Amino acid sequence: MSTRRATITDVAREAGVSPSTASVVFSGKTPVSDSTRQRVLDAAQALGYTGPDPRAASLRRGRSGIVGVVFEEHLGRAFQDPVKILMMDGLTESVASMGAGLLLLQDQAEEGGGPSLTTAPVDAAVLVGCSGILRESLAAVRARGIPVVVIEGDAGEGVPRVGLDNREAQRQAASHIRGLGHTRVALVTLPVRSAWPGGWLESVDDITVDVTRDRLRGARDVFPDAPAYAAAGSLIDEGLAAGRLIFADPGMRPTAVIAQSDLLAAGVIRAAEEAGLQVPQDVSVTGFDGIVVDGLAPYELTTIVQPTVEKGRAAGQAVVAMLRGEVAASIDFTCEFRAGNTTAPPAE
């Protein structure tokens, strides 16, 4: 029994049409009559033909149709973060216009043994952040002639960047807290490097993640001596753990906590409630991102709203432009401060 895969020529012969007519039925690029389309589809079903072989199309184009995406943190944690999910939605939307899909990759220096940034058959790469291990692979990727775009990171000259005004935006939140009269403030940051276990931050020099560093600098532009706890990830449980440490000593409790994400801020609020504190009467809390956090009601978080989907969409548009041989410019987005009910003047 033959196991040869049916071809478009077989379908055309069965339907009594030319191969080019059968082909456009599947591509949709040229209109055909309803009766012709149905004859072709019936013939395809009878022969077990499911459509053009994508490998053949890739060979004709000289491309894989794959855009690699690399995160600085473990993928499991990345997809617990609504910000990353929304950003991927925007990225997917943009690259879909050229018939491409996304491949999530580990860097070559990480364990796992699968395809890496330097070995995967990708047409382009999007780096979500660019520090530490990722910088070590960047030269090899660029040597392959693969277009690279970075979201919130700096890969050096010639690499388009999709940025965010992290420092200025965090400074706005800190200025809001200072304007309310707070002077005893603690900070809860995002991870300072890959595989960071969580802990008090000793020095800004320990930070290799650009977003964490920029937001920390923004807060310390206003509160230069504020202690900072660096969480292991942007998770509610990580904010809860940080808050328990921050509120552990009643004599040293801050009257305000500035968190670098909304999920961390939600965890800090839970820790405050555990400690018998009222938000915002006893402690004010701010976040960063502007996402919907389930279970946070009746609180409406005072936060910084960032254009998450737009960042991903811009990165995808840069990829599309570069694959077309066009120049892709870097772009910087601006955040918006949004006051909620989790901040108030400190209690007398």
Protein backbone atom coordinates (compact mmCIF):
# COMPACT_ATOMS: atom_id res chain seq x y z
CA MET A 1 0.00 0.00 0.00
CA SER A 2 1.43 3.41 -0.99
CA THR A 3 2.01 5.96 1.76
CA ARG A 4 2.79 8.81 -0.64
CA ARG A 5 1.29 12.07 0.53
CA ALA A 6 -1.32 13.47 -1.86
CA THR A 7 -0.22 16.63 -3.66
CA ILE A 8 -2.08 19.65 -4.98
CA THR A 9 -1.64 18.17 -8.46
CA ASP A 10 -3.50 15.03 -7.34
CA VAL A 11 -6.31 17.16 -5.94
CA ALA A 12 -6.53 19.20 -9.15
CA ARG A 13 -6.72 16.04 -11.28
CA GLU A 14 -9.45 14.60 -9.03
CA ALA A 15 -11.46 17.84 -9.11
CA GLY A 16 -10.99 18.37 -12.84
CA VAL A 17 -9.31 21.77 -12.49
CA SER A 18 -5.82 23.14 -13.12
CA PRO A 19 -3.20 22.90 -10.34
CA SER A 20 -3.09 26.70 -10.13
CA THR A 21 -6.85 26.83 -9.53
CA ALA A 22 -6.64 24.18 -6.83
CA SER A 23 -3.78 26.06 -5.24
CA VAL A 24 -5.65 29.36 -4.91
CA VAL A 25 -8.54 27.58 -3.21
CA PHE A 26 -6.16 26.86 -0.31
CA SER A 27 -4.25 30.13 -0.42
CA GLY A 28 -7.31 32.36 -0.73
CA LYS A 29 -5.30 34.85 -2.77
CA THR A 30 -7.62 34.78 -5.80
CA PRO A 31 -11.42 34.44 -5.78
CA VAL A 32 -12.95 31.33 -7.32
CA SER A 33 -16.58 30.28 -7.75
CA ASP A 34 -18.32 28.49 -4.91
CA SER A 35 -18.89 25.40 -7.05
CA THR A 36 -15.20 25.18 -8.01
CA ARG A 37 -14.07 25.68 -4.43
CA GLN A 38 -16.41 22.91 -3.24
CA ARG A 39 -15.18 20.48 -5.94
CA VAL A 40 -11.58 21.10 -4.88
CA LEU A 41 -12.36 20.71 -1.17
CA ASP A 42 -14.32 17.50 -1.80
CA ALA A 43 -11.42 16.10 -3.84
CA ALA A 44 -8.95 17.06 -1.09
CA GLN A 45 -11.04 15.31 1.54
CA ALA A 46 -11.33 12.17 -0.59
CA LEU A 47 -7.55 12.05 -1.07
CA GLY A 48 -6.68 12.96 2.52
CA TYR A 49 -5.00 16.20 1.42
CA THR A 50 -4.89 18.69 4.30
CA GLY A 51 -3.19 21.63 2.61
CA PRO A 52 0.19 22.75 1.24
CA ASP A 53 3.28 21.40 3.00
CA PRO A 54 4.56 24.32 5.10
CA ARG A 55 8.12 23.02 4.70
CA ALA A 56 7.91 23.54 0.95
CA ALA A 57 6.66 27.08 1.42
CA SER A 58 9.52 27.76 3.82
CA LEU A 59 12.05 26.52 1.28
CA ARG A 60 10.58 28.75 -1.43
CA ARG A 61 10.72 31.80 0.83
CA GLY A 62 14.11 30.93 2.27
CA ARG A 63 12.65 31.38 5.75
CA SER A 64 11.40 29.21 8.57
CA GLY A 65 8.42 31.40 9.44
CA ILE A 66 9.58 31.37 13.07
CA VAL A 67 10.42 34.30 15.34
CA GLY A 68 12.33 33.28 18.47
CA VAL A 69 11.44 34.93 21.79
CA VAL A 70 13.76 34.75 24.79
CA PHE A 71 12.90 35.84 28.34
CA GLU A 72 15.42 36.59 31.05
CA GLU A 73 13.50 34.56 33.62
CA HIS A 74 12.31 30.94 33.57
CA LEU A 75 9.42 30.48 31.14
CA GLY A 76 7.18 29.08 33.87
CA ARG A 77 7.40 32.34 35.76
CA ALA A 78 7.15 34.48 32.65
CA PHE A 79 3.73 33.05 31.87
CA GLN A 80 2.45 33.61 35.38
CA ASP A 81 2.90 37.32 34.70
CA PRO A 82 -0.10 39.02 32.99
CA VAL A 83 2.25 41.72 31.69
CA LYS A 84 4.27 39.17 29.71
CA ILE A 85 1.11 37.52 28.39
CA LEU A 86 -0.34 40.80 27.14
CA MET A 87 2.98 41.73 25.56
CA MET A 88 3.09 38.39 23.75
CA ASP A 89 -0.43 39.03 22.46
CA GLY A 90 0.78 42.22 20.79
CA LEU A 91 3.89 40.54 19.40
CA THR A 92 1.90 37.61 18.00
CA GLU A 93 -0.55 39.97 16.34
CA SER A 94 2.21 41.83 14.51
CA VAL A 95 4.23 38.88 13.20
CA ALA A 96 1.05 37.08 12.11
CA SER A 97 0.78 39.65 9.30
CA MET A 98 3.73 37.93 7.59
CA GLY A 99 2.54 34.40 8.36
CA ALA A 100 5.08 33.86 11.15
CA GLY A 101 4.71 32.17 14.52
CA LEU A 102 6.60 32.43 17.79
CA LEU A 103 9.06 29.97 19.32
CA LEU A 104 9.94 30.36 23.01
CA LEU A 105 13.59 29.57 23.62
CA GLN A 106 16.05 28.95 26.39
CA ASP A 107 19.46 30.50 26.05
CA GLN A 108 22.33 28.16 25.20
CA ALA A 109 23.87 28.62 28.64
CA GLU A 110 20.77 27.30 30.39
CA GLU A 111 20.07 23.67 31.01
CA GLY A 112 17.53 21.70 29.00
CA GLY A 113 19.28 20.52 25.86
CA GLY A 114 16.66 21.94 23.45
CA PRO A 115 17.03 24.56 20.72
CA SER A 116 18.71 27.73 21.90
CA LEU A 117 18.93 31.31 20.74
CA THR A 118 22.12 30.50 18.83
CA THR A 119 20.98 27.22 17.22
CA ALA A 120 17.23 27.42 16.55
CA PRO A 121 16.11 27.88 12.89
CA VAL A 122 14.57 31.31 13.44
CA ASP A 123 14.15 34.22 11.03
CA ALA A 124 14.42 36.83 13.79
CA ALA A 125 14.79 37.06 17.55
CA VAL A 126 13.02 39.18 20.16
CA LEU A 127 14.83 39.47 23.48
CA VAL A 128 12.66 40.46 26.43
CA GLY A 129 15.43 42.25 28.27
CA CYS A 130 19.07 41.87 27.35
CA SER A 131 21.48 41.34 30.19
CA GLY A 132 23.73 38.70 31.67
CA ILE A 133 23.63 35.45 29.76
CA LEU A 134 21.70 36.86 26.81
CA ARG A 135 24.46 39.34 25.98
CA GLU A 136 26.88 36.44 25.69
CA SER A 137 24.82 34.94 22.85
CA LEU A 138 24.00 38.14 21.02
CA ALA A 139 27.22 38.31 18.97
CA ALA A 140 26.71 34.78 17.67
CA VAL A 141 23.10 35.50 16.74
CA ARG A 142 24.01 38.68 14.87
CA ALA A 143 26.83 36.85 13.10
CA ARG A 144 24.18 34.56 11.60
CA GLY A 145 22.56 37.64 10.08
CA ILE A 146 19.40 37.22 12.14
CA PRO A 147 17.50 40.46 12.89
CA VAL A 148 17.27 41.12 16.63
CA VAL A 149 14.87 43.38 18.54
CA VAL A 150 15.06 44.03 22.29
CA ILE A 151 12.13 44.88 24.56
CA GLU A 152 13.24 46.92 27.60
CA GLY A 153 16.93 46.27 27.36
CA ASP A 154 20.03 47.51 25.59
CA ALA A 155 21.79 45.24 23.11
CA GLY A 156 24.08 47.95 21.81
CA GLU A 157 24.33 49.96 18.63
CA GLY A 158 22.40 48.71 15.63
CA VAL A 159 19.82 46.68 17.56
CA PRO A 160 16.32 48.25 17.60
CA ARG A 161 14.95 48.71 21.10
CA VAL A 162 11.40 48.99 22.40
CA GLY A 163 11.79 50.96 25.60
CA LEU A 164 9.74 52.30 28.48
CA ASP A 165 10.35 55.34 30.67
CA ASN A 166 10.82 53.12 33.73
CA ARG A 167 12.92 55.55 35.74
CA GLU A 168 10.72 58.59 35.19
CA ALA A 169 7.53 56.59 35.73
CA GLN A 170 8.77 55.14 39.03
CA ARG A 171 9.90 58.61 40.06
CA GLN A 172 6.30 59.78 39.57
CA ALA A 173 4.97 57.18 41.97
CA ALA A 174 7.66 58.01 44.52
CA SER A 175 6.95 61.74 44.20
CA HIS A 176 3.28 61.02 44.84
CA ILE A 177 4.23 59.22 48.06
CA ARG A 178 6.52 62.04 49.15
CA GLY A 179 3.83 64.60 48.33
CA LEU A 180 1.50 62.82 50.75
CA GLY A 181 4.07 63.36 53.50
CA HIS A 182 5.75 59.95 53.75
CA THR A 183 9.40 59.76 54.75
CA ARG A 184 9.76 56.13 55.96
CA VAL A 185 9.55 54.16 52.72
CA ALA A 186 10.57 50.64 51.66
CA LEU A 187 10.99 49.33 48.12
CA VAL A 188 10.12 45.94 46.66
CA THR A 189 11.88 45.34 43.34
CA LEU A 190 11.74 42.85 40.52
CA PRO A 191 14.57 40.25 40.36
CA VAL A 192 18.04 41.72 40.03
CA ARG A 193 19.42 38.91 37.84
CA SER A 194 18.54 35.53 36.39
CA ALA A 195 17.78 32.83 39.01
CA TRP A 196 17.78 35.43 41.82
CA PRO A 197 16.44 33.71 44.98
CA GLY A 198 15.07 36.88 46.62
CA GLY A 199 16.63 38.98 49.36
CA TRP A 200 17.64 42.42 50.54
CA LEU A 201 19.52 44.39 47.93
CA GLU A 202 23.01 45.38 48.98
CA SER A 203 24.11 47.46 45.98
CA VAL A 204 22.80 48.71 42.66
CA ASP A 205 25.96 47.16 41.19
CA ASP A 206 24.42 43.74 41.87
CA ILE A 207 21.63 44.43 39.36
CA THR A 208 21.99 43.09 35.80
CA VAL A 209 18.31 43.48 34.81
CA ASP A 210 17.79 46.88 33.20
CA VAL A 211 14.12 47.26 34.19
CA THR A 212 14.85 46.58 37.86
CA ARG A 213 17.78 49.00 37.89
CA ASP A 214 15.89 51.81 36.16
CA ARG A 215 12.85 51.56 38.41
CA LEU A 216 15.03 51.41 41.50
CA ARG A 217 16.87 54.53 40.43
CA GLY A 218 13.57 56.31 39.87
CA ALA A 219 12.41 55.54 43.41
CA ARG A 220 15.76 56.48 44.92
CA ASP A 221 15.78 59.77 43.04
CA VAL A 222 13.11 60.68 45.59
CA PHE A 223 14.01 58.41 48.53
CA PRO A 224 17.78 57.85 48.24
CA ASP A 225 18.09 55.88 51.47
CA ALA A 226 15.03 53.63 51.11
CA PRO A 227 15.85 49.95 51.78
CA ALA A 228 15.03 47.60 48.90
CA TYR A 229 13.98 43.96 48.96
CA ALA A 230 14.49 42.27 45.57
CA ALA A 231 11.86 39.60 44.94
CA ALA A 232 12.55 36.36 43.08
CA GLY A 233 9.79 37.11 40.56
CA SER A 234 6.78 39.27 39.79
CA LEU A 235 4.34 37.16 41.79
CA ILE A 236 1.81 37.87 44.54
CA ASP A 237 3.46 35.26 46.77
CA GLU A 238 6.81 37.02 46.34
CA GLY A 239 5.24 40.32 47.37
CA LEU A 240 3.68 38.60 50.37
CA ALA A 241 7.07 37.21 51.44
CA ALA A 242 8.71 40.61 51.04
CA GLY A 243 5.91 42.33 52.97
CA ARG A 244 6.20 39.89 55.87
CA LEU A 245 9.85 40.84 56.26
CA ILE A 246 9.19 44.55 55.88
CA PHE A 247 6.41 44.61 58.47
CA ALA A 248 8.04 42.14 60.89
CA ASP A 249 9.45 44.76 63.28
CA PRO A 250 6.74 47.16 64.51
CA GLY A 251 9.37 49.72 65.46
CA MET A 252 10.89 49.80 61.97
CA ARG A 253 7.79 49.60 59.82
CA PRO A 254 7.62 51.99 56.87
CA THR A 255 4.52 54.06 56.27
CA ALA A 256 4.69 53.38 52.53
CA VAL A 257 5.91 50.62 50.20
CA ILE A 258 6.75 51.21 46.54
CA ALA A 259 6.55 47.94 44.57
CA GLN A 260 7.89 47.45 41.05
CA SER A 261 4.86 45.49 39.85
CA ASP A 262 1.15 45.29 40.62
CA LEU A 263 1.43 41.61 41.57
CA LEU A 264 4.17 42.41 44.10
CA ALA A 265 2.05 45.29 45.44
CA ALA A 266 -0.93 42.95 45.90
CA GLY A 267 1.26 40.60 47.94
CA VAL A 268 2.52 43.50 50.08
CA ILE A 269 -1.11 44.47 50.80
CA ARG A 270 -1.86 40.92 51.95
CA ALA A 271 1.18 41.01 54.23
CA ALA A 272 0.04 44.34 55.69
CA GLU A 273 -3.37 42.86 56.49
CA GLU A 274 -1.68 39.85 58.11
CA ALA A 275 0.26 42.26 60.32
CA GLY A 276 -2.95 43.98 61.40
CA LEU A 277 -2.29 47.09 59.32
CA GLN A 278 -4.89 48.97 57.34
CA VAL A 279 -4.23 50.12 53.78
CA PRO A 280 -3.90 53.04 53.26
CA GLN A 281 -4.50 54.34 56.79
CA ASP A 282 -1.43 52.63 58.29
CA VAL A 283 0.61 51.94 55.17
CA SER A 284 0.38 53.18 51.58
CA VAL A 285 1.24 50.85 48.70
CA THR A 286 1.95 51.58 45.03
CA GLY A 287 2.43 49.21 42.12
CA PHE A 288 3.58 49.32 38.53
CA ASP A 289 1.93 47.97 35.34
CA GLY A 290 -1.75 48.90 35.44
CA ILE A 291 -3.09 45.35 35.11
CA VAL A 292 -6.19 43.76 36.64
CA VAL A 293 -5.25 41.79 39.75
CA ASP A 294 -7.87 39.21 40.69
CA GLY A 295 -9.05 39.30 44.29
CA LEU A 296 -7.69 42.76 45.06
CA ALA A 297 -11.08 44.39 45.65
CA PRO A 298 -12.02 46.63 47.43
CA TYR A 299 -8.62 48.07 46.68
CA GLU A 300 -7.95 50.05 43.53
CA LEU A 301 -4.19 50.11 43.34
CA THR A 302 -2.29 53.35 42.97
CA THR A 303 -0.01 52.39 40.11
CA ILE A 304 1.84 53.22 36.93
CA VAL A 305 0.00 52.12 33.77
CA GLN A 306 2.26 50.92 30.99
CA PRO A 307 1.24 50.23 27.34
CA THR A 308 1.92 46.50 27.54
CA VAL A 309 0.24 45.26 24.36
CA GLU A 310 1.65 48.19 22.41
CA LYS A 311 5.21 47.25 23.43
CA GLY A 312 4.79 43.75 22.02
CA ARG A 313 3.11 45.06 18.90
CA ALA A 314 5.94 47.54 18.28
CA ALA A 315 8.55 44.78 18.64
CA GLY A 316 6.67 42.67 16.11
CA GLN A 317 6.41 45.57 13.68
CA ALA A 318 10.17 46.09 13.97
CA VAL A 319 10.75 42.41 13.16
CA VAL A 320 8.48 42.60 10.12
CA ALA A 321 10.25 45.73 8.87
CA MET A 322 13.71 44.19 9.23
CA LEU A 323 12.69 41.00 7.43
CA ARG A 324 11.47 43.17 4.57
CA GLY A 325 14.87 44.80 4.38
CA GLU A 326 13.68 48.04 5.93
CA VAL A 327 15.25 50.00 8.79
CA ALA A 328 13.52 49.55 12.14
CA ALA A 329 13.89 52.47 14.51
CA SER A 330 13.93 52.21 18.29
CA ILE A 331 10.82 53.45 20.07
CA ASP A 332 10.21 54.59 23.65
CA PHE A 333 6.81 54.41 25.31
CA THR A 334 5.55 56.58 28.15
CA CYS A 335 3.69 55.35 31.23
CA GLU A 336 0.78 57.06 32.97
CA PHE A 337 0.38 57.54 36.73
CA ARG A 338 -3.00 56.42 38.10
CA ALA A 339 -4.07 57.20 41.65
CA GLY A 340 -6.17 54.62 43.48
CA ASN A 341 -7.30 54.07 47.05
CA THR A 342 -4.14 52.38 48.36
CA THR A 343 -2.28 55.61 49.16
CA ALA A 344 -3.01 58.34 51.70
CA PRO A 345 -1.11 60.68 54.04
CA PRO A 346 0.72 58.87 56.87
CA ALA A 347 -1.12 58.47 60.15
CA GLU A 348 -0.13 61.00 62.81
